[in-house]
N, C-alpha and C. Protein backbone atom coordinates (compact mmCIF):
# COMPACT_ATOMS: atom_id res chain seq x y z
N UNK A 1 -26.05 -21.41 -53.90
CA UNK A 1 -26.90 -20.41 -54.66
C UNK A 1 -27.51 -21.05 -55.87
N UNK A 2 -28.81 -20.58 -56.08
CA UNK A 2 -29.43 -21.20 -57.20
C UNK A 2 -29.34 -20.53 -58.30
N UNK A 3 -29.84 -20.94 -59.53
CA UNK A 3 -29.83 -20.23 -60.74
C UNK A 3 -30.50 -18.90 -60.84
N UNK A 4 -31.64 -18.82 -60.17
CA UNK A 4 -32.42 -17.63 -60.12
C UNK A 4 -31.67 -16.52 -59.51
N UNK A 5 -31.20 -16.74 -58.32
CA UNK A 5 -30.28 -15.77 -57.56
C UNK A 5 -29.05 -15.33 -58.33
N UNK A 6 -28.47 -16.28 -58.95
CA UNK A 6 -27.31 -15.93 -59.97
C UNK A 6 -27.59 -15.01 -61.07
N UNK A 7 -28.66 -15.39 -61.65
CA UNK A 7 -29.25 -14.62 -62.80
C UNK A 7 -29.69 -13.14 -62.28
N UNK A 8 -30.23 -13.15 -61.04
CA UNK A 8 -30.72 -11.77 -60.58
C UNK A 8 -29.38 -10.84 -60.35
N UNK A 9 -28.22 -11.47 -59.88
CA UNK A 9 -27.10 -10.90 -59.66
C UNK A 9 -26.53 -10.40 -60.98
N UNK A 10 -26.35 -11.13 -62.03
CA UNK A 10 -25.96 -10.74 -63.25
C UNK A 10 -26.74 -9.62 -63.98
N UNK A 11 -28.14 -9.75 -63.72
CA UNK A 11 -28.91 -8.64 -64.19
C UNK A 11 -28.71 -7.34 -63.44
N UNK A 12 -28.46 -7.38 -62.28
CA UNK A 12 -28.17 -6.20 -61.47
C UNK A 12 -26.86 -5.59 -61.78
N UNK A 13 -25.78 -6.52 -62.15
CA UNK A 13 -24.53 -6.02 -62.65
C UNK A 13 -24.62 -5.23 -63.91
N UNK A 14 -25.55 -5.76 -64.91
CA UNK A 14 -25.67 -5.32 -66.19
C UNK A 14 -26.46 -3.83 -66.02
N UNK A 15 -27.42 -3.86 -65.20
CA UNK A 15 -28.06 -2.52 -65.01
C UNK A 15 -27.30 -1.47 -64.25
N UNK A 16 -26.21 -1.75 -63.59
CA UNK A 16 -25.49 -0.77 -62.91
C UNK A 16 -24.60 -0.05 -63.77
N UNK A 17 -24.64 1.48 -63.70
CA UNK A 17 -23.82 2.18 -64.53
C UNK A 17 -22.75 2.85 -63.75
N UNK A 18 -21.62 2.23 -63.74
CA UNK A 18 -20.53 2.93 -62.86
C UNK A 18 -20.18 4.28 -63.53
N UNK A 19 -19.56 5.18 -62.71
CA UNK A 19 -19.28 6.48 -62.91
C UNK A 19 -18.04 6.55 -63.51
N UNK A 20 -17.80 6.66 -64.88
CA UNK A 20 -16.46 6.47 -65.60
C UNK A 20 -15.93 7.99 -66.00
N UNK A 21 -16.70 9.04 -65.70
CA UNK A 21 -16.36 10.36 -66.13
C UNK A 21 -15.04 10.68 -65.52
N UNK A 22 -14.63 10.37 -64.31
CA UNK A 22 -13.32 10.75 -63.77
C UNK A 22 -12.20 9.97 -64.48
N UNK A 23 -12.43 8.70 -64.77
CA UNK A 23 -11.40 8.06 -65.53
C UNK A 23 -11.22 8.29 -66.91
N UNK A 24 -12.38 8.92 -67.52
CA UNK A 24 -12.24 9.23 -68.87
C UNK A 24 -11.57 10.79 -69.23
N UNK A 25 -11.54 11.49 -68.18
CA UNK A 25 -11.10 12.74 -68.06
C UNK A 25 -9.49 12.73 -68.53
N UNK A 26 -9.18 13.37 -69.64
CA UNK A 26 -7.73 13.51 -70.00
C UNK A 26 -7.02 12.07 -70.06
N UNK A 27 -7.78 11.13 -70.66
CA UNK A 27 -7.18 9.80 -70.71
C UNK A 27 -5.93 9.77 -71.69
N UNK A 28 -6.18 10.35 -72.75
CA UNK A 28 -5.00 10.24 -73.68
C UNK A 28 -3.92 10.95 -73.22
N UNK A 29 -3.99 12.06 -72.66
CA UNK A 29 -2.88 12.75 -72.03
C UNK A 29 -2.39 12.02 -71.01
N UNK A 30 -3.04 11.40 -70.02
CA UNK A 30 -2.45 10.57 -68.96
C UNK A 30 -1.63 9.29 -69.67
N UNK A 31 -2.23 8.75 -70.58
CA UNK A 31 -1.67 7.47 -71.19
C UNK A 31 -0.39 7.81 -71.79
N UNK A 32 -0.39 8.97 -72.69
CA UNK A 32 0.90 9.42 -73.46
C UNK A 32 1.95 9.72 -72.38
N UNK A 33 1.56 10.36 -71.24
CA UNK A 33 2.61 10.92 -70.36
C UNK A 33 3.03 9.60 -69.55
N UNK A 34 2.35 8.59 -69.51
CA UNK A 34 2.83 7.40 -68.89
C UNK A 34 3.66 6.44 -69.69
N UNK A 35 3.21 6.54 -71.05
CA UNK A 35 4.11 5.74 -71.95
C UNK A 35 5.58 6.43 -72.19
N UNK A 36 5.61 7.90 -72.23
CA UNK A 36 6.91 8.45 -72.22
C UNK A 36 7.78 8.22 -71.11
N UNK A 37 7.09 8.28 -69.98
CA UNK A 37 7.86 7.89 -68.70
C UNK A 37 8.61 6.46 -68.55
N UNK A 38 7.79 5.55 -69.14
CA UNK A 38 8.19 4.20 -69.30
C UNK A 38 8.95 3.71 -70.37
N UNK A 39 9.05 4.81 -71.28
CA UNK A 39 9.96 4.50 -72.41
C UNK A 39 11.44 4.08 -72.01
N UNK A 40 11.94 3.05 -72.74
CA UNK A 40 13.19 2.45 -72.58
C UNK A 40 14.14 3.56 -72.94
N UNK A 41 15.22 3.78 -72.11
CA UNK A 41 16.26 4.85 -72.37
C UNK A 41 17.09 4.28 -73.57
N UNK A 42 17.14 3.00 -73.82
CA UNK A 42 17.89 2.49 -75.04
C UNK A 42 17.33 2.97 -76.33
N UNK A 43 16.03 3.21 -76.43
CA UNK A 43 15.38 3.58 -77.62
C UNK A 43 15.79 4.93 -78.17
N UNK A 44 16.10 6.01 -77.24
CA UNK A 44 16.73 7.13 -77.62
C UNK A 44 18.12 7.02 -78.25
N UNK A 45 18.80 6.11 -77.79
CA UNK A 45 20.15 5.79 -78.39
C UNK A 45 20.06 5.21 -79.77
N UNK A 46 18.98 4.41 -79.94
CA UNK A 46 18.76 3.66 -81.15
C UNK A 46 18.38 4.78 -82.25
N UNK A 47 17.51 5.54 -81.63
CA UNK A 47 16.85 6.61 -82.51
C UNK A 47 17.96 7.71 -82.98
N UNK A 48 18.98 8.01 -82.25
CA UNK A 48 19.92 8.98 -82.65
C UNK A 48 21.07 8.06 -83.56
N UNK A 49 21.32 7.00 -83.34
CA UNK A 49 22.25 6.03 -84.17
C UNK A 49 21.48 6.06 -85.68
N UNK A 50 20.19 5.73 -85.69
CA UNK A 50 19.51 5.71 -87.10
C UNK A 50 19.68 7.23 -87.68
N UNK A 51 19.54 8.31 -86.92
CA UNK A 51 19.45 9.56 -87.62
C UNK A 51 20.93 9.88 -87.97
N UNK A 52 21.89 9.50 -87.38
CA UNK A 52 23.24 9.96 -87.52
C UNK A 52 24.02 9.04 -88.62
N UNK A 53 23.45 7.95 -88.82
CA UNK A 53 24.17 6.97 -89.77
C UNK A 53 24.56 7.49 -91.06
N UNK A 54 23.61 8.27 -91.70
CA UNK A 54 24.14 8.92 -93.02
C UNK A 54 25.25 9.95 -92.82
N UNK A 55 25.20 10.54 -91.79
CA UNK A 55 26.46 11.53 -91.52
C UNK A 55 27.73 10.55 -91.40
N UNK A 56 27.58 9.59 -90.66
CA UNK A 56 28.87 8.64 -90.39
C UNK A 56 29.30 8.02 -91.62
N UNK A 57 28.25 7.66 -92.41
CA UNK A 57 28.66 7.05 -93.73
C UNK A 57 29.37 8.05 -94.60
N UNK A 58 28.95 9.23 -94.66
CA UNK A 58 29.54 10.21 -95.50
C UNK A 58 30.84 10.59 -94.92
N UNK A 59 31.26 10.52 -93.64
CA UNK A 59 32.49 10.68 -93.13
C UNK A 59 33.35 9.53 -93.48
N UNK A 60 32.95 8.50 -93.44
CA UNK A 60 33.73 7.35 -93.72
C UNK A 60 34.07 7.30 -95.28
N UNK A 61 33.14 7.70 -96.10
CA UNK A 61 33.38 7.80 -97.51
C UNK A 61 34.40 8.88 -97.87
N UNK A 62 34.28 9.95 -97.10
CA UNK A 62 35.19 11.19 -97.29
C UNK A 62 36.66 10.76 -96.89
N UNK A 63 36.77 9.97 -95.79
CA UNK A 63 38.00 9.67 -95.29
C UNK A 63 38.58 8.57 -96.38
N UNK A 64 37.75 7.66 -96.84
CA UNK A 64 38.33 6.81 -97.99
C UNK A 64 38.83 7.54 -99.10
N UNK A 65 38.04 8.39 -99.62
CA UNK A 65 38.46 9.19 -100.76
C UNK A 65 39.70 9.85 -100.60
N UNK A 66 39.89 10.51 -99.12
CA UNK A 66 41.03 11.18 -98.89
C UNK A 66 42.27 10.21 -98.90
N UNK A 67 42.06 9.15 -98.35
CA UNK A 67 43.20 8.26 -98.43
C UNK A 67 43.53 7.60 -99.60
N UNK A 68 42.65 7.41 -100.60
CA UNK A 68 42.77 7.03 -101.84
C UNK A 68 43.60 8.10 -102.63
N UNK A 69 43.26 9.35 -102.61
CA UNK A 69 43.90 10.36 -103.11
C UNK A 69 45.31 10.54 -102.67
N UNK A 70 45.45 10.39 -101.30
CA UNK A 70 46.83 10.70 -100.80
C UNK A 70 47.73 9.62 -101.07
N UNK A 71 47.26 8.35 -101.12
CA UNK A 71 48.07 7.18 -101.74
C UNK A 71 48.58 7.31 -103.14
N UNK A 72 47.50 7.87 -103.91
CA UNK A 72 47.80 8.08 -105.27
C UNK A 72 49.06 9.13 -105.55
N UNK A 73 49.07 10.18 -104.57
CA UNK A 73 49.96 11.25 -104.73
C UNK A 73 51.33 10.81 -104.19
N UNK A 74 51.32 9.97 -103.27
CA UNK A 74 52.61 9.54 -102.70
C UNK A 74 53.35 8.70 -103.69
N UNK A 75 54.51 8.36 -103.36
CA UNK A 75 55.31 7.57 -104.31
C UNK A 75 54.83 6.06 -104.53
N UNK A 76 55.21 5.33 -105.34
CA UNK A 76 54.73 3.99 -105.49
C UNK A 76 55.56 3.07 -104.79
N UNK A 77 56.21 3.55 -103.68
CA UNK A 77 57.14 2.66 -102.90
C UNK A 77 56.24 1.65 -102.15
N UNK A 78 55.04 1.95 -101.79
CA UNK A 78 54.03 1.06 -101.18
C UNK A 78 53.65 -0.07 -102.14
N UNK A 79 53.49 0.21 -103.35
CA UNK A 79 53.03 -0.78 -104.34
C UNK A 79 54.23 -1.60 -104.56
N UNK A 80 55.52 -1.19 -104.66
CA UNK A 80 56.69 -2.09 -104.78
C UNK A 80 57.02 -2.96 -103.50
N UNK A 81 56.72 -2.18 -102.36
CA UNK A 81 56.91 -3.08 -101.10
C UNK A 81 55.88 -4.22 -101.16
N UNK A 82 54.71 -4.06 -101.41
CA UNK A 82 53.61 -5.16 -101.42
C UNK A 82 53.90 -5.99 -102.59
N UNK A 83 54.53 -5.68 -103.66
CA UNK A 83 54.73 -6.64 -104.64
C UNK A 83 55.88 -7.41 -104.44
N UNK A 84 56.82 -7.03 -103.40
CA UNK A 84 58.12 -7.62 -103.09
C UNK A 84 59.17 -7.34 -103.66
N UNK A 85 59.17 -6.05 -104.46
CA UNK A 85 60.46 -5.74 -105.20
C UNK A 85 61.48 -5.20 -104.36
N UNK A 86 61.29 -5.00 -103.06
CA UNK A 86 62.35 -4.46 -102.30
C UNK A 86 62.86 -5.52 -101.18
N UNK A 87 64.24 -5.37 -100.86
CA UNK A 87 64.56 -6.35 -99.86
C UNK A 87 64.13 -5.95 -98.67
N UNK A 88 64.49 -6.65 -97.44
CA UNK A 88 64.01 -6.34 -96.17
C UNK A 88 64.52 -5.16 -95.56
N UNK A 89 65.70 -4.68 -95.89
CA UNK A 89 66.14 -3.46 -95.36
C UNK A 89 65.58 -2.35 -95.77
N UNK A 90 65.25 -2.27 -97.07
CA UNK A 90 64.53 -1.08 -97.70
C UNK A 90 63.15 -1.14 -97.16
N UNK A 91 62.56 -2.18 -96.81
CA UNK A 91 61.19 -2.24 -96.35
C UNK A 91 61.13 -1.67 -94.99
N UNK A 92 62.12 -2.08 -94.09
CA UNK A 92 62.13 -1.56 -92.80
C UNK A 92 62.42 -0.06 -92.83
N UNK A 93 63.26 0.41 -93.69
CA UNK A 93 63.64 1.86 -93.89
C UNK A 93 62.42 2.67 -94.25
N UNK A 94 61.50 1.98 -95.13
CA UNK A 94 60.38 2.64 -95.53
C UNK A 94 59.36 2.73 -94.35
N UNK A 95 59.31 1.79 -93.63
CA UNK A 95 58.37 1.78 -92.55
C UNK A 95 58.82 2.70 -91.42
N UNK A 96 60.18 2.69 -91.23
CA UNK A 96 60.82 3.67 -90.11
C UNK A 96 60.77 5.03 -90.57
N UNK A 97 60.64 5.27 -91.72
CA UNK A 97 60.74 6.86 -92.26
C UNK A 97 62.17 7.22 -92.53
N UNK A 98 62.99 6.25 -92.69
CA UNK A 98 64.48 6.67 -92.92
C UNK A 98 64.70 6.73 -94.35
C-alpha cells in the first residue's frame, strides 16, 4: 500500500460521520446505573461506619463517665487494694464478693 492510498483511507475515515445518537441517548443515566451496580459492597460498610462513629464515641464516653462515677461512689477498697494496703486474703475476699 502506498502513501496516496493510505492518505485516501485516512481522509475517508475523517469524512465519515458515524451515527452516535443511539449511544448518546440517556448516557448519564446508563453510566450512573452501571456505576451503582458495580459499586463495591464494602463501601456501604465503610459509609455506615463513618456515619455511626460519633454515636459510638458518645456511647464510649458515656460509659466511661458512668464507670468513673460508679467507682467514686463505691468504697475506696479498690484504691487500697491497688496500693497494696490489704493482705492477700482480704484481696481475694474483695474479688470474690465475700
